N, C-alpha and C. Protein backbone atom coordinates (compact mmCIF):
# COMPACT_ATOMS: atom_id res chain seq x y z
N MET A 1 105.83 173.08 179.68
CA MET A 1 104.58 173.75 179.93
C MET A 1 103.84 173.85 178.60
N SER A 2 102.58 173.51 178.61
CA SER A 2 101.80 173.59 177.38
C SER A 2 100.83 174.77 177.45
N ILE A 3 100.47 175.25 176.30
CA ILE A 3 99.53 176.36 176.21
C ILE A 3 98.15 175.79 175.97
N ASP A 4 97.16 176.26 176.72
CA ASP A 4 95.78 175.83 176.56
C ASP A 4 95.22 176.50 175.31
N SER A 5 95.09 175.73 174.24
CA SER A 5 94.66 176.31 172.97
C SER A 5 93.18 176.67 172.95
N SER A 6 92.42 176.23 173.96
CA SER A 6 91.00 176.58 173.97
C SER A 6 90.77 178.03 174.38
N ILE A 7 91.74 178.62 175.07
CA ILE A 7 91.64 180.02 175.47
C ILE A 7 92.98 180.67 175.15
N PRO A 8 93.26 180.96 173.90
CA PRO A 8 94.59 181.45 173.52
C PRO A 8 94.96 182.74 174.22
N GLY A 9 96.16 182.73 174.81
CA GLY A 9 96.70 183.94 175.43
C GLY A 9 96.09 184.32 176.75
N GLU A 10 95.05 183.63 177.21
CA GLU A 10 94.39 184.04 178.44
C GLU A 10 94.79 183.21 179.65
N ARG A 11 95.24 182.01 179.47
CA ARG A 11 95.50 181.14 180.61
C ARG A 11 96.96 180.86 180.89
N GLU A 12 97.78 180.97 179.91
CA GLU A 12 99.16 180.59 180.10
C GLU A 12 100.02 181.29 179.07
N GLY A 13 101.23 181.61 179.42
CA GLY A 13 102.15 182.18 178.46
C GLY A 13 103.56 181.85 178.85
N PRO A 14 104.22 180.95 178.16
CA PRO A 14 105.55 180.53 178.57
C PRO A 14 106.58 181.60 178.27
N PRO A 15 107.63 181.78 179.06
CA PRO A 15 107.67 181.36 180.44
C PRO A 15 106.95 182.38 181.31
N GLY A 16 106.73 182.07 182.55
CA GLY A 16 106.08 183.00 183.46
C GLY A 16 105.01 182.32 184.27
N ALA A 17 104.21 183.13 184.90
CA ALA A 17 103.15 182.61 185.76
C ALA A 17 102.03 182.02 184.94
N VAL A 18 101.39 181.02 185.49
CA VAL A 18 100.20 180.43 184.90
C VAL A 18 99.00 181.12 185.54
N LEU A 19 98.10 181.62 184.74
CA LEU A 19 96.92 182.29 185.27
C LEU A 19 96.01 181.27 185.95
N PRO A 20 95.37 181.67 187.06
CA PRO A 20 94.57 180.72 187.83
C PRO A 20 93.31 180.26 187.09
N ARG A 21 93.03 178.98 187.19
CA ARG A 21 91.82 178.41 186.60
C ARG A 21 90.71 178.29 187.64
N ASP A 22 91.07 178.40 188.92
CA ASP A 22 90.09 178.21 189.99
C ASP A 22 89.54 179.53 190.54
N LYS A 23 89.88 180.64 189.89
CA LYS A 23 89.39 181.95 190.31
C LYS A 23 88.72 182.62 189.12
N GLU A 24 87.92 183.64 189.41
CA GLU A 24 87.19 184.34 188.35
C GLU A 24 87.93 185.60 187.94
N LEU A 25 88.08 185.81 186.64
CA LEU A 25 88.62 187.06 186.12
C LEU A 25 87.54 188.13 186.31
N VAL A 26 87.82 189.13 187.14
CA VAL A 26 86.79 190.12 187.46
C VAL A 26 87.12 191.52 186.94
N LEU A 27 88.37 191.76 186.51
CA LEU A 27 88.73 193.09 186.04
C LEU A 27 90.01 193.00 185.21
N LYS A 28 90.06 193.80 184.15
CA LYS A 28 91.28 194.01 183.38
C LYS A 28 91.45 195.51 183.22
N VAL A 29 92.67 196.00 183.40
CA VAL A 29 92.91 197.43 183.31
C VAL A 29 94.37 197.67 182.90
N ILE A 30 94.60 198.82 182.26
CA ILE A 30 95.95 199.21 181.87
C ILE A 30 96.30 200.51 182.58
N PRO A 31 97.32 200.50 183.45
CA PRO A 31 97.72 201.75 184.12
C PRO A 31 98.36 202.72 183.13
N MET A 32 98.15 203.99 183.38
CA MET A 32 98.60 205.05 182.48
C MET A 32 99.66 205.93 183.18
N PRO A 33 100.33 206.79 182.43
CA PRO A 33 101.40 207.63 183.01
C PRO A 33 100.95 208.45 184.22
N ALA A 34 99.72 208.91 184.27
CA ALA A 34 99.24 209.69 185.41
C ALA A 34 99.20 208.87 186.70
N ASP A 35 99.29 207.53 186.58
CA ASP A 35 99.23 206.65 187.75
C ASP A 35 100.62 206.31 188.30
N CYS A 36 101.67 206.98 187.79
CA CYS A 36 103.07 206.69 188.17
C CYS A 36 103.55 207.51 189.36
N ASN A 37 104.48 206.91 190.10
CA ASN A 37 105.18 207.64 191.14
C ASN A 37 106.46 208.25 190.54
N ALA A 38 107.28 208.88 191.38
CA ALA A 38 108.48 209.55 190.90
C ALA A 38 109.53 208.58 190.34
N ASN A 39 109.41 207.30 190.68
CA ASN A 39 110.36 206.29 190.18
C ASN A 39 109.93 205.70 188.84
N GLY A 40 108.75 206.09 188.37
CA GLY A 40 108.26 205.56 187.11
C GLY A 40 107.44 204.29 187.25
N ASP A 41 107.25 203.83 188.48
CA ASP A 41 106.39 202.68 188.74
C ASP A 41 104.99 203.18 189.08
N ILE A 42 104.02 202.30 188.94
CA ILE A 42 102.64 202.66 189.27
C ILE A 42 102.49 202.78 190.78
N PHE A 43 101.79 203.81 191.24
CA PHE A 43 101.54 204.01 192.66
C PHE A 43 100.93 202.76 193.28
N GLY A 44 101.45 202.37 194.44
CA GLY A 44 100.87 201.25 195.18
C GLY A 44 99.42 201.53 195.54
N GLY A 45 99.11 202.77 195.85
CA GLY A 45 97.73 203.13 196.20
C GLY A 45 96.78 202.96 195.03
N TRP A 46 97.27 203.20 193.82
CA TRP A 46 96.43 202.99 192.64
C TRP A 46 96.12 201.51 192.49
N VAL A 47 97.15 200.67 192.68
CA VAL A 47 96.94 199.22 192.60
C VAL A 47 95.96 198.78 193.69
N MET A 48 96.10 199.33 194.89
CA MET A 48 95.20 198.98 195.99
C MET A 48 93.76 199.33 195.65
N ALA A 49 93.54 200.49 195.04
CA ALA A 49 92.19 200.89 194.66
C ALA A 49 91.59 199.93 193.64
N GLN A 50 92.42 199.49 192.68
CA GLN A 50 91.93 198.53 191.68
C GLN A 50 91.61 197.19 192.32
N VAL A 51 92.44 196.76 193.28
CA VAL A 51 92.18 195.50 194.00
C VAL A 51 90.88 195.61 194.77
N ASP A 52 90.62 196.76 195.38
CA ASP A 52 89.36 196.95 196.12
C ASP A 52 88.16 196.84 195.19
N LEU A 53 88.26 197.45 194.02
CA LEU A 53 87.17 197.33 193.03
C LEU A 53 86.99 195.88 192.59
N ALA A 54 88.09 195.24 192.23
CA ALA A 54 88.02 193.85 191.76
C ALA A 54 87.52 192.92 192.85
N GLY A 55 87.98 193.16 194.06
CA GLY A 55 87.58 192.30 195.19
C GLY A 55 86.12 192.40 195.53
N SER A 56 85.49 193.51 195.21
CA SER A 56 84.08 193.71 195.59
C SER A 56 83.10 193.07 194.61
N VAL A 57 83.56 192.65 193.43
CA VAL A 57 82.65 192.14 192.40
C VAL A 57 81.89 190.90 192.87
N ILE A 58 82.62 189.88 193.29
CA ILE A 58 81.97 188.63 193.68
C ILE A 58 81.14 188.79 194.96
N PRO A 59 81.63 189.46 196.00
CA PRO A 59 80.79 189.64 197.19
C PRO A 59 79.49 190.40 196.91
N ALA A 60 79.55 191.44 196.07
CA ALA A 60 78.33 192.20 195.77
C ALA A 60 77.33 191.33 195.03
N ARG A 61 77.83 190.49 194.12
CA ARG A 61 76.95 189.57 193.40
C ARG A 61 76.36 188.54 194.36
N TYR A 62 77.20 187.99 195.23
CA TYR A 62 76.76 186.96 196.17
C TYR A 62 75.73 187.52 197.16
N ALA A 63 76.00 188.70 197.69
CA ALA A 63 75.12 189.31 198.70
C ALA A 63 73.96 190.06 198.08
N LYS A 64 73.96 190.18 196.76
CA LYS A 64 72.88 190.86 196.03
C LYS A 64 72.64 192.28 196.53
N GLY A 65 73.73 193.04 196.63
CA GLY A 65 73.55 194.41 197.07
C GLY A 65 74.85 195.09 197.45
N ARG A 66 74.70 196.19 198.15
CA ARG A 66 75.83 197.03 198.52
C ARG A 66 76.77 196.33 199.48
N MET A 67 78.05 196.63 199.29
CA MET A 67 79.10 196.12 200.16
C MET A 67 80.02 197.28 200.52
N ALA A 68 80.59 197.20 201.71
CA ALA A 68 81.59 198.19 202.12
C ALA A 68 82.85 197.44 202.53
N THR A 69 84.00 197.99 202.17
CA THR A 69 85.27 197.40 202.57
C THR A 69 85.46 197.65 204.06
N VAL A 70 85.73 196.57 204.82
CA VAL A 70 85.94 196.74 206.25
C VAL A 70 87.35 196.39 206.69
N ALA A 71 88.06 195.59 205.88
CA ALA A 71 89.42 195.23 206.27
C ALA A 71 90.24 194.81 205.06
N VAL A 72 91.48 195.25 205.06
CA VAL A 72 92.47 194.71 204.14
C VAL A 72 93.33 193.81 205.03
N ASN A 73 93.09 192.51 204.95
CA ASN A 73 93.72 191.56 205.85
C ASN A 73 95.18 191.31 205.49
N GLN A 74 95.47 191.35 204.19
CA GLN A 74 96.82 191.12 203.71
C GLN A 74 96.94 191.78 202.35
N PHE A 75 98.11 192.36 202.09
CA PHE A 75 98.36 192.96 200.79
C PHE A 75 99.85 192.83 200.52
N ILE A 76 100.18 192.11 199.45
CA ILE A 76 101.58 191.87 199.13
C ILE A 76 101.88 192.36 197.71
N PHE A 77 102.84 193.27 197.62
CA PHE A 77 103.33 193.70 196.31
C PHE A 77 104.52 192.80 195.98
N LYS A 78 104.38 191.97 194.96
CA LYS A 78 105.43 191.02 194.60
C LYS A 78 106.40 191.58 193.56
N GLN A 79 105.86 192.37 192.63
CA GLN A 79 106.66 192.94 191.55
C GLN A 79 106.10 194.33 191.25
N PRO A 80 106.93 195.23 190.72
CA PRO A 80 106.39 196.54 190.34
C PRO A 80 105.44 196.42 189.15
N VAL A 81 104.51 197.36 189.10
CA VAL A 81 103.59 197.47 187.96
C VAL A 81 104.07 198.65 187.14
N ARG A 82 104.05 198.49 185.82
CA ARG A 82 104.58 199.51 184.92
C ARG A 82 103.49 200.07 184.02
N VAL A 83 103.72 201.26 183.52
CA VAL A 83 102.82 201.86 182.54
C VAL A 83 102.70 200.92 181.35
N GLY A 84 101.48 200.70 180.90
CA GLY A 84 101.25 199.87 179.73
C GLY A 84 101.05 198.39 180.03
N ASP A 85 101.32 197.96 181.27
CA ASP A 85 101.03 196.57 181.63
C ASP A 85 99.54 196.33 181.49
N ILE A 86 99.17 195.15 181.04
CA ILE A 86 97.77 194.75 181.05
C ILE A 86 97.58 193.95 182.32
N LEU A 87 96.83 194.49 183.26
CA LEU A 87 96.63 193.83 184.55
C LEU A 87 95.35 193.02 184.54
N SER A 88 95.44 191.79 184.99
CA SER A 88 94.29 190.89 185.11
C SER A 88 94.09 190.58 186.59
N PHE A 89 92.88 190.83 187.08
CA PHE A 89 92.55 190.65 188.49
C PHE A 89 91.65 189.43 188.63
N TYR A 90 92.10 188.44 189.39
CA TYR A 90 91.34 187.22 189.63
C TYR A 90 90.93 187.19 191.09
N SER A 91 89.70 186.75 191.34
CA SER A 91 89.16 186.77 192.70
C SER A 91 88.44 185.48 193.02
N GLU A 92 88.41 185.15 194.31
CA GLU A 92 87.65 184.00 194.79
C GLU A 92 87.19 184.27 196.22
N LEU A 93 86.01 183.75 196.57
CA LEU A 93 85.52 183.82 197.95
C LEU A 93 86.35 182.89 198.81
N THR A 94 86.77 183.36 199.97
CA THR A 94 87.51 182.50 200.89
C THR A 94 86.77 182.29 202.20
N ARG A 95 85.86 183.21 202.55
CA ARG A 95 85.11 183.09 203.80
C ARG A 95 83.80 183.84 203.69
N ILE A 96 82.75 183.22 204.18
CA ILE A 96 81.45 183.89 204.26
C ILE A 96 81.01 183.85 205.72
N GLY A 97 80.81 185.05 206.28
CA GLY A 97 80.35 185.16 207.66
C GLY A 97 78.87 185.51 207.68
N HIS A 98 78.41 186.04 208.81
CA HIS A 98 77.00 186.42 208.94
C HIS A 98 76.68 187.64 208.09
N THR A 99 77.55 188.66 208.14
CA THR A 99 77.35 189.88 207.35
C THR A 99 78.54 190.19 206.45
N SER A 100 79.60 189.41 206.57
CA SER A 100 80.83 189.73 205.84
C SER A 100 81.25 188.62 204.89
N ILE A 101 82.03 189.03 203.90
CA ILE A 101 82.60 188.11 202.92
C ILE A 101 84.05 188.50 202.70
N THR A 102 84.93 187.49 202.75
CA THR A 102 86.35 187.72 202.51
C THR A 102 86.72 187.10 201.17
N VAL A 103 87.51 187.83 200.42
CA VAL A 103 87.96 187.35 199.11
C VAL A 103 89.48 187.45 199.01
N LYS A 104 90.02 186.57 198.17
CA LYS A 104 91.43 186.66 197.80
C LYS A 104 91.47 187.21 196.39
N VAL A 105 92.34 188.18 196.16
CA VAL A 105 92.53 188.77 194.84
C VAL A 105 93.98 188.57 194.44
N GLU A 106 94.18 188.06 193.23
CA GLU A 106 95.52 187.91 192.67
C GLU A 106 95.59 188.76 191.40
N VAL A 107 96.70 189.48 191.24
CA VAL A 107 96.86 190.36 190.10
C VAL A 107 98.07 189.90 189.27
N TYR A 108 97.82 189.75 187.98
CA TYR A 108 98.85 189.31 187.05
C TYR A 108 99.06 190.40 186.01
N ALA A 109 100.34 190.66 185.69
CA ALA A 109 100.67 191.66 184.67
C ALA A 109 101.15 190.95 183.41
N GLU A 110 100.63 191.43 182.30
CA GLU A 110 101.13 191.05 180.99
C GLU A 110 101.91 192.27 180.52
N ARG A 111 103.24 192.17 180.54
CA ARG A 111 104.07 193.31 180.22
C ARG A 111 103.87 193.72 178.76
N PHE A 112 103.90 195.02 178.51
CA PHE A 112 103.70 195.54 177.16
C PHE A 112 104.74 194.95 176.19
N SER A 113 105.96 194.80 176.68
CA SER A 113 107.05 194.32 175.82
C SER A 113 107.08 192.81 175.65
N SER A 114 106.33 192.08 176.45
CA SER A 114 106.34 190.61 176.35
C SER A 114 104.92 190.07 176.50
N GLN A 115 104.06 190.47 175.58
CA GLN A 115 102.66 190.06 175.65
C GLN A 115 102.54 188.56 175.50
N GLY A 116 101.56 187.99 176.20
CA GLY A 116 101.37 186.55 176.22
C GLY A 116 102.10 185.89 177.36
N GLN A 117 102.92 186.65 178.08
CA GLN A 117 103.61 186.15 179.26
C GLN A 117 103.11 186.92 180.47
N TYR A 118 102.91 186.21 181.57
CA TYR A 118 102.32 186.81 182.76
C TYR A 118 103.26 186.71 183.94
N ILE A 119 103.15 187.70 184.82
CA ILE A 119 103.90 187.70 186.07
C ILE A 119 102.94 188.14 187.17
N LYS A 120 102.96 187.42 188.29
CA LYS A 120 102.10 187.78 189.43
C LYS A 120 102.72 188.99 190.12
N VAL A 121 101.95 190.08 190.21
CA VAL A 121 102.49 191.31 190.77
C VAL A 121 101.94 191.64 192.16
N THR A 122 100.74 191.16 192.47
CA THR A 122 100.11 191.52 193.74
C THR A 122 99.15 190.41 194.16
N GLU A 123 99.03 190.22 195.47
CA GLU A 123 97.95 189.39 195.99
C GLU A 123 97.44 190.03 197.28
N ALA A 124 96.16 189.85 197.53
CA ALA A 124 95.55 190.50 198.69
C ALA A 124 94.38 189.68 199.21
N SER A 125 94.07 189.91 200.48
CA SER A 125 92.87 189.35 201.10
C SER A 125 92.09 190.55 201.65
N VAL A 126 90.84 190.67 201.23
CA VAL A 126 90.02 191.83 201.59
C VAL A 126 88.67 191.35 202.11
N THR A 127 88.19 191.99 203.17
CA THR A 127 86.88 191.64 203.74
C THR A 127 85.91 192.79 203.51
N TYR A 128 84.72 192.41 203.06
CA TYR A 128 83.63 193.36 202.81
C TYR A 128 82.46 192.99 203.71
N VAL A 129 81.66 194.00 204.08
CA VAL A 129 80.44 193.74 204.84
C VAL A 129 79.26 194.20 203.98
N ALA A 130 78.21 193.39 203.99
CA ALA A 130 76.99 193.74 203.28
C ALA A 130 76.28 194.83 204.07
N ILE A 131 75.80 195.86 203.36
CA ILE A 131 75.09 196.95 204.04
C ILE A 131 73.75 197.21 203.37
N ASP A 132 72.82 197.73 204.18
CA ASP A 132 71.50 198.09 203.65
C ASP A 132 71.53 199.53 203.16
N ASP A 133 70.37 200.05 202.76
CA ASP A 133 70.30 201.41 202.22
C ASP A 133 70.67 202.48 203.24
N ALA A 134 70.58 202.15 204.52
CA ALA A 134 70.95 203.10 205.57
C ALA A 134 72.42 202.95 205.98
N GLY A 135 73.12 202.01 205.35
CA GLY A 135 74.52 201.82 205.66
C GLY A 135 74.78 200.89 206.83
N HIS A 136 73.75 200.19 207.29
CA HIS A 136 73.91 199.26 208.41
C HIS A 136 74.20 197.85 207.89
N PRO A 137 74.98 197.07 208.65
CA PRO A 137 75.25 195.69 208.24
C PRO A 137 73.96 194.89 208.07
N ARG A 138 73.96 194.02 207.07
CA ARG A 138 72.82 193.14 206.85
C ARG A 138 73.34 191.74 206.60
N PRO A 139 72.54 190.72 206.88
CA PRO A 139 72.99 189.35 206.69
C PRO A 139 73.21 189.01 205.21
N VAL A 140 74.17 188.12 204.95
CA VAL A 140 74.37 187.58 203.61
C VAL A 140 73.87 186.14 203.62
N PRO A 141 73.48 185.62 202.46
CA PRO A 141 73.02 184.24 202.41
C PRO A 141 74.13 183.28 202.86
N PRO A 142 73.77 182.21 203.56
CA PRO A 142 74.79 181.24 203.96
C PRO A 142 75.32 180.50 202.74
N ARG A 143 76.54 180.00 202.88
CA ARG A 143 77.16 179.23 201.79
C ARG A 143 76.41 177.91 201.63
N GLU A 144 76.17 177.55 200.37
CA GLU A 144 75.43 176.32 200.09
C GLU A 144 76.32 175.10 200.21
């Protein structure tokens, strides 16, 4: 496995997961001790909230306005998230409907103790609906 020297430390870190090149990095965050459960791992609900934020970035940009989460179609916790991990959230559009947009979000952790190496910790599929100022669904532009 080779390291992409044009983006040092951002795309690959041997050994471990290779960060996606076909998705957009939409959020980076570090969980803190207040985000832990009794086992010392980060709350799944905290991760879900971050995925919801990250997942909404591209749909809101595409639809040029407000979006509301309408469905979590799939959510898989692959590995625990730990305090101090640097989490990178990558997103891509997977479906554009009349008023809704579905995205896939993948989350990679760069462990504090092994920086430069990544592990995929979560993946999800989330659907958002475009809404107007009154909170009613509104059409989104068709895919080009």
